[in-house]
Protein backbone atom coordinates (compact mmCIF):
# COMPACT_ATOMS: atom_id res chain seq x y z
CA MET A 1 -17.81 -22.14 1.71
CA LYS A 2 -20.36 -23.96 3.84
CA SER A 3 -21.58 -21.96 6.80
CA LEU A 4 -20.69 -23.57 10.13
CA TRP A 5 -22.58 -21.28 12.47
CA LEU A 6 -25.06 -23.96 13.52
CA LEU A 7 -22.38 -26.51 14.39
CA PRO A 8 -21.21 -26.99 17.99
CA LEU A 9 -17.65 -25.92 18.77
CA ALA A 10 -16.28 -29.46 18.95
CA ALA A 11 -17.65 -30.27 15.50
CA CYS A 12 -16.23 -27.06 14.07
CA LEU A 13 -12.75 -27.67 15.42
CA ALA A 14 -12.77 -31.26 14.26
CA GLN A 15 -12.87 -30.06 10.65
CA ALA A 16 -9.44 -28.44 10.75
CA ALA A 17 -6.09 -28.82 12.49
CA HIS A 18 -6.52 -25.92 14.90
CA TYR A 19 -5.40 -25.86 18.49
CA ASN A 20 -6.28 -24.04 21.70
CA ILE A 21 -4.19 -21.86 23.99
CA PRO A 22 -5.58 -21.36 27.53
CA LEU A 23 -5.44 -17.77 28.75
CA TRP A 24 -4.37 -18.88 32.21
CA ASP A 25 -3.17 -22.12 33.74
CA GLN A 26 -5.90 -24.11 35.44
CA GLY A 27 -6.56 -22.84 38.93
CA LYS A 28 -5.11 -19.40 38.17
CA VAL A 29 -8.02 -17.79 36.26
CA PRO A 30 -8.88 -14.47 37.97
CA LEU A 31 -12.48 -13.98 39.16
CA SER A 32 -13.12 -17.67 38.52
CA VAL A 33 -16.14 -19.20 40.25
CA GLY A 34 -15.40 -22.79 39.24
CA ASP A 35 -13.06 -25.07 37.34
CA GLY A 36 -15.31 -26.39 34.58
CA PRO A 37 -15.05 -25.76 30.81
CA LEU A 38 -17.06 -22.52 31.06
CA ASP A 39 -14.64 -21.14 33.63
CA GLN A 40 -11.50 -21.45 31.51
CA PRO A 41 -11.25 -18.94 28.61
CA PHE A 42 -8.97 -19.79 25.70
CA LEU A 43 -7.86 -18.85 22.19
CA THR A 44 -8.25 -21.08 19.14
CA VAL A 45 -5.49 -20.58 16.56
CA PHE A 46 -6.24 -20.35 12.83
CA SER A 47 -3.05 -20.12 10.79
CA PRO A 48 -2.67 -18.83 7.20
CA PRO A 49 -1.71 -21.26 4.42
CA ALA A 50 1.96 -22.23 4.28
CA GLY A 51 4.09 -19.47 2.86
CA LYS A 52 1.35 -16.82 3.08
CA ALA A 53 1.76 -15.51 6.64
CA ASN A 54 2.76 -11.83 6.79
CA GLY A 55 3.30 -11.53 10.55
CA SER A 56 -0.02 -9.81 11.30
CA SER A 57 -2.46 -11.27 13.82
CA VAL A 58 -5.93 -10.60 15.19
CA VAL A 59 -8.04 -11.60 18.18
CA ILE A 60 -11.67 -12.30 17.20
CA ALA A 61 -14.47 -12.03 19.77
CA PRO A 62 -17.72 -13.57 18.43
CA GLY A 63 -21.09 -12.25 19.55
CA GLY A 64 -24.02 -14.06 21.11
CA SER A 65 -25.56 -11.67 23.68
CA ASN A 66 -22.88 -12.71 26.20
CA ILE A 67 -24.80 -15.96 26.84
CA MET A 68 -23.41 -17.95 23.88
CA LEU A 69 -20.80 -17.55 21.13
CA MET A 70 -21.51 -17.52 17.38
CA TYR A 71 -18.39 -19.53 16.50
CA GLY A 72 -19.25 -20.09 12.86
CA ALA A 73 -20.22 -16.85 11.12
CA GLU A 74 -18.51 -14.59 13.67
CA GLY A 75 -15.55 -16.81 14.51
CA MET A 76 -14.34 -19.47 12.10
CA GLU A 77 -15.51 -17.77 8.92
CA ILE A 78 -13.95 -14.46 9.98
CA ALA A 79 -10.70 -16.23 10.90
CA GLU A 80 -10.58 -17.97 7.52
CA ARG A 81 -10.93 -14.66 5.67
CA TYR A 82 -8.12 -13.19 7.75
CA ASN A 83 -6.03 -16.27 6.91
CA GLU A 84 -6.55 -15.54 3.21
CA TRP A 85 -4.94 -12.14 3.84
CA GLY A 86 -1.94 -13.79 5.53
CA VAL A 87 -3.09 -12.95 9.06
CA THR A 88 -2.90 -15.42 11.95
CA ALA A 89 -6.27 -15.38 13.72
CA PHE A 90 -7.09 -16.21 17.35
CA VAL A 91 -10.77 -16.81 18.10
CA LEU A 92 -11.48 -15.91 21.72
CA THR A 93 -13.69 -18.05 23.93
CA TYR A 94 -14.47 -15.58 26.69
CA ARG A 95 -16.49 -16.09 29.86
CA LEU A 96 -20.26 -15.74 29.56
CA SER A 97 -23.27 -14.46 31.50
CA PRO A 98 -24.91 -15.01 33.88
CA ARG A 99 -21.94 -16.79 35.42
CA TYR A 100 -19.56 -13.94 34.61
CA ASP A 101 -19.88 -10.21 34.04
CA ALA A 102 -18.08 -7.60 31.97
CA LYS A 103 -15.18 -7.42 34.45
CA ALA A 104 -14.22 -11.03 33.71
CA ARG A 105 -14.66 -10.56 29.95
CA THR A 106 -12.45 -7.48 30.06
CA LEU A 107 -9.72 -9.50 31.77
CA ASP A 108 -10.16 -12.17 29.09
CA GLY A 109 -9.76 -9.63 26.27
CA LYS A 110 -6.66 -8.03 27.78
CA ARG A 111 -5.07 -11.39 28.52
CA ALA A 112 -5.78 -12.56 24.97
CA MET A 113 -3.79 -9.61 23.61
CA GLN A 114 -0.92 -10.36 25.99
CA ILE A 115 -0.93 -14.06 25.10
CA VAL A 116 -0.63 -13.28 21.38
CA ARG A 117 2.25 -10.87 21.96
CA SER A 118 3.96 -13.37 24.25
CA LYS A 119 3.82 -15.89 21.37
CA ALA A 120 5.08 -13.41 18.76
CA ALA A 121 8.67 -14.63 18.56
CA GLU A 122 7.64 -18.28 18.61
CA MET A 123 4.95 -17.83 15.94
CA LYS A 124 6.83 -15.22 13.87
CA LEU A 125 4.29 -12.49 14.53
CA ASP A 126 4.80 -8.74 14.64
CA PRO A 127 3.84 -7.60 18.19
CA LYS A 128 3.00 -4.17 16.74
CA ARG A 129 0.39 -5.54 14.32
CA VAL A 130 -2.05 -7.28 16.64
CA GLY A 131 -5.68 -6.26 16.15
CA PHE A 132 -8.91 -7.02 17.97
CA ILE A 133 -12.28 -7.34 16.23
CA GLY A 134 -15.56 -7.89 18.05
CA PHE A 135 -19.06 -8.70 16.85
CA SER A 136 -22.17 -7.51 18.69
CA ALA A 137 -21.57 -8.51 22.32
CA GLY A 138 -17.96 -9.26 21.39
CA SER A 139 -17.57 -5.58 20.52
CA GLU A 140 -18.18 -4.75 24.17
CA THR A 141 -15.20 -6.90 25.13
CA ALA A 142 -13.16 -5.27 22.36
CA ARG A 143 -13.95 -1.74 23.53
CA TYR A 144 -13.34 -2.58 27.19
CA THR A 145 -10.01 -4.12 26.21
CA VAL A 146 -8.94 -0.90 24.49
CA ALA A 147 -10.21 1.39 27.25
CA THR A 148 -8.48 -0.51 30.06
CA ALA A 149 -5.32 -1.56 28.21
CA THR A 150 -1.97 -1.35 29.96
CA ALA A 151 1.63 -1.29 28.77
CA GLY A 152 2.54 -4.43 30.68
CA ASP A 153 4.65 -4.88 33.78
CA PRO A 154 8.27 -5.74 32.89
CA ASN A 155 8.86 -6.92 36.46
CA SER A 156 5.87 -9.27 36.68
CA PRO A 157 6.66 -12.85 37.73
CA ASP A 158 4.12 -13.90 35.08
CA PRO A 159 5.94 -13.52 31.74
CA VAL A 160 2.64 -12.99 29.88
CA GLU A 161 1.85 -9.93 31.99
CA ARG A 162 5.05 -8.28 30.81
CA PHE A 163 3.41 -7.58 27.43
CA GLY A 164 1.06 -4.73 26.59
CA SER A 165 -2.66 -5.39 26.13
CA LYS A 166 -3.63 -2.50 23.83
CA PRO A 167 -4.74 -3.59 20.34
CA ASP A 168 -3.02 -1.91 17.41
CA TYR A 169 -6.44 -1.50 15.78
CA VAL A 170 -9.97 -2.45 16.73
CA GLY A 171 -13.02 -3.50 14.71
CA LEU A 172 -16.49 -2.96 16.16
CA ILE A 173 -19.07 -4.78 14.04
CA TYR A 174 -22.78 -4.01 14.54
CA SER A 175 -22.14 -2.68 18.02
CA THR A 176 -19.86 -0.13 19.62
CA GLY A 177 -19.98 -1.68 23.05
CA ARG A 178 -20.36 0.51 26.11
CA PRO A 179 -18.17 3.41 27.19
CA THR A 180 -15.90 2.94 30.17
CA PRO A 181 -15.84 5.78 32.73
CA GLY A 182 -12.85 7.93 31.97
CA GLU A 183 -11.97 6.30 28.64
CA GLU A 184 -9.81 8.57 26.48
CA LEU A 185 -10.99 8.40 22.88
CA LYS A 186 -7.95 10.34 21.71
CA ASN A 187 -5.82 7.37 22.80
CA PHE A 188 -7.84 4.79 20.85
CA PRO A 189 -6.04 2.92 18.07
CA PRO A 190 -7.52 3.08 14.54
CA VAL A 191 -11.17 1.96 14.69
CA PHE A 192 -13.21 0.21 11.98
CA LEU A 193 -16.99 0.49 12.40
CA CYS A 194 -19.59 -1.41 10.38
CA ALA A 195 -23.36 -1.95 10.71
CA ALA A 196 -26.59 -2.02 8.72
CA GLN A 197 -28.95 0.97 8.79
CA PHE A 198 -31.99 -1.25 9.37
CA ASP A 199 -30.26 -2.38 12.57
CA ARG A 200 -31.07 1.05 13.93
CA GLY A 201 -29.50 1.01 17.39
CA PRO A 202 -26.05 -0.21 16.31
CA ALA A 203 -26.19 1.98 13.17
CA LEU A 204 -26.88 5.16 15.12
CA GLY A 205 -24.39 4.13 17.80
CA SER A 206 -21.68 3.56 15.21
CA ALA A 207 -22.36 6.93 13.57
CA GLN A 208 -22.19 8.69 16.93
CA PHE A 209 -19.02 6.88 17.98
CA PHE A 210 -17.38 7.77 14.66
CA THR A 211 -18.26 11.41 15.33
CA ASP A 212 -16.88 11.25 18.86
CA LEU A 213 -13.65 9.57 17.75
CA THR A 214 -13.17 12.11 14.97
CA LYS A 215 -13.68 15.01 17.37
CA ALA A 216 -11.14 13.44 19.72
CA GLY A 217 -8.55 13.18 16.94
CA ALA A 218 -8.54 9.38 16.65
CA ILE A 219 -8.45 7.49 13.34
CA ALA A 220 -11.78 5.92 12.44
CA GLU A 221 -13.57 4.53 9.40
CA LEU A 222 -17.34 4.02 9.25
CA HIS A 223 -19.46 1.85 6.93
CA LEU A 224 -23.26 1.74 7.22
CA TYR A 225 -25.19 -0.37 4.72
CA GLN A 226 -28.65 0.88 3.74
CA LYS A 227 -30.26 -2.55 4.09
CA GLY A 228 -29.54 -5.61 6.19
CA ARG A 229 -29.87 -6.85 9.71
CA HIS A 230 -28.01 -7.61 12.89
CA GLY A 231 -25.63 -10.56 12.95
CA PHE A 232 -24.59 -10.78 9.30
CA GLY A 233 -21.19 -12.26 10.19
CA ALA A 234 -18.85 -12.83 7.28
CA ALA A 235 -21.85 -12.27 4.95
CA PHE A 236 -20.77 -14.79 2.30
CA GLY A 237 -22.90 -14.38 -0.82
CA SER A 238 -24.98 -11.54 0.62
CA SER A 239 -26.14 -8.97 -1.93
CA GLU A 240 -26.63 -6.43 0.86
CA PHE A 241 -23.29 -6.37 2.65
CA GLY A 242 -21.22 -9.20 1.23
CA GLN A 243 -18.33 -6.81 0.48
CA TRP A 244 -17.81 -5.55 4.00
CA MET A 245 -14.78 -7.74 4.66
CA ASP A 246 -13.17 -6.51 1.44
CA VAL A 247 -13.63 -3.00 2.84
CA LEU A 248 -12.07 -4.15 6.11
CA GLN A 249 -9.10 -5.54 4.18
CA HIS A 250 -8.62 -2.13 2.53
CA PHE A 251 -8.76 -0.44 5.95
CA LEU A 252 -6.08 -2.81 7.25
CA SER A 253 -3.92 -2.34 4.18
CA GLU A 254 -4.11 1.45 4.39
CA GLY A 255 -3.13 1.29 8.06
CA GLY A 256 -0.13 -0.94 7.39
CA PHE A 257 -1.59 -3.85 9.35
CA LEU A 258 -1.08 -6.39 6.58
CA GLY A 259 2.64 -5.88 6.19
CA LYS A 260 4.38 -4.43 3.18
């Protein structure tokens, strides 16, 4: 498969019949400082081939140091692998720095989970098999989403807010994000951690977070590759860590996140 990570978003989306779902209606985005394209977060839907969908879904948060998004290797290519497994993927375009901070991105992550669950009946998705996987800076949004998740307000006038925002599993790829004051690791869903040892900071952080999760009684799986670098994405054809998504698939299968 040809890598698309250098292509602009418009060119990427033009190559397939995907579509976008805004997280909020225009003019209703919380913490918004404008009404331009960079002020309106959204999800891009990648559906499995006809007849292959198993009801599972995932929100994907690409990395890019919070100043850009790596849509190809950490967005489209990840979504396409998930599609091969029968999973409906939603690539998240979240709000970026310096215009927005982690508070806005946390709201984007939580809303993305609620949007997917609100579409479950319409899209034939299982609302109890909705994951969240983040890459590098996207892992920060993933972890904040877990740490601040709520059960949803059944009395909210906004029907989307009636759904819970906690992922059923989370993937943190070459970053563990930052801890949130008061976060309860024992309440974390199953966590998949992956990094390369040569990428020392994320590797050591992943090892430590695995230890902390294990001590807290949470389910976690850790994979550290002895060679490699930061930002390997889907790693197509890589001799160093090209199998990591196969390992992720096994993790999902063991956890029952790919259906029966």
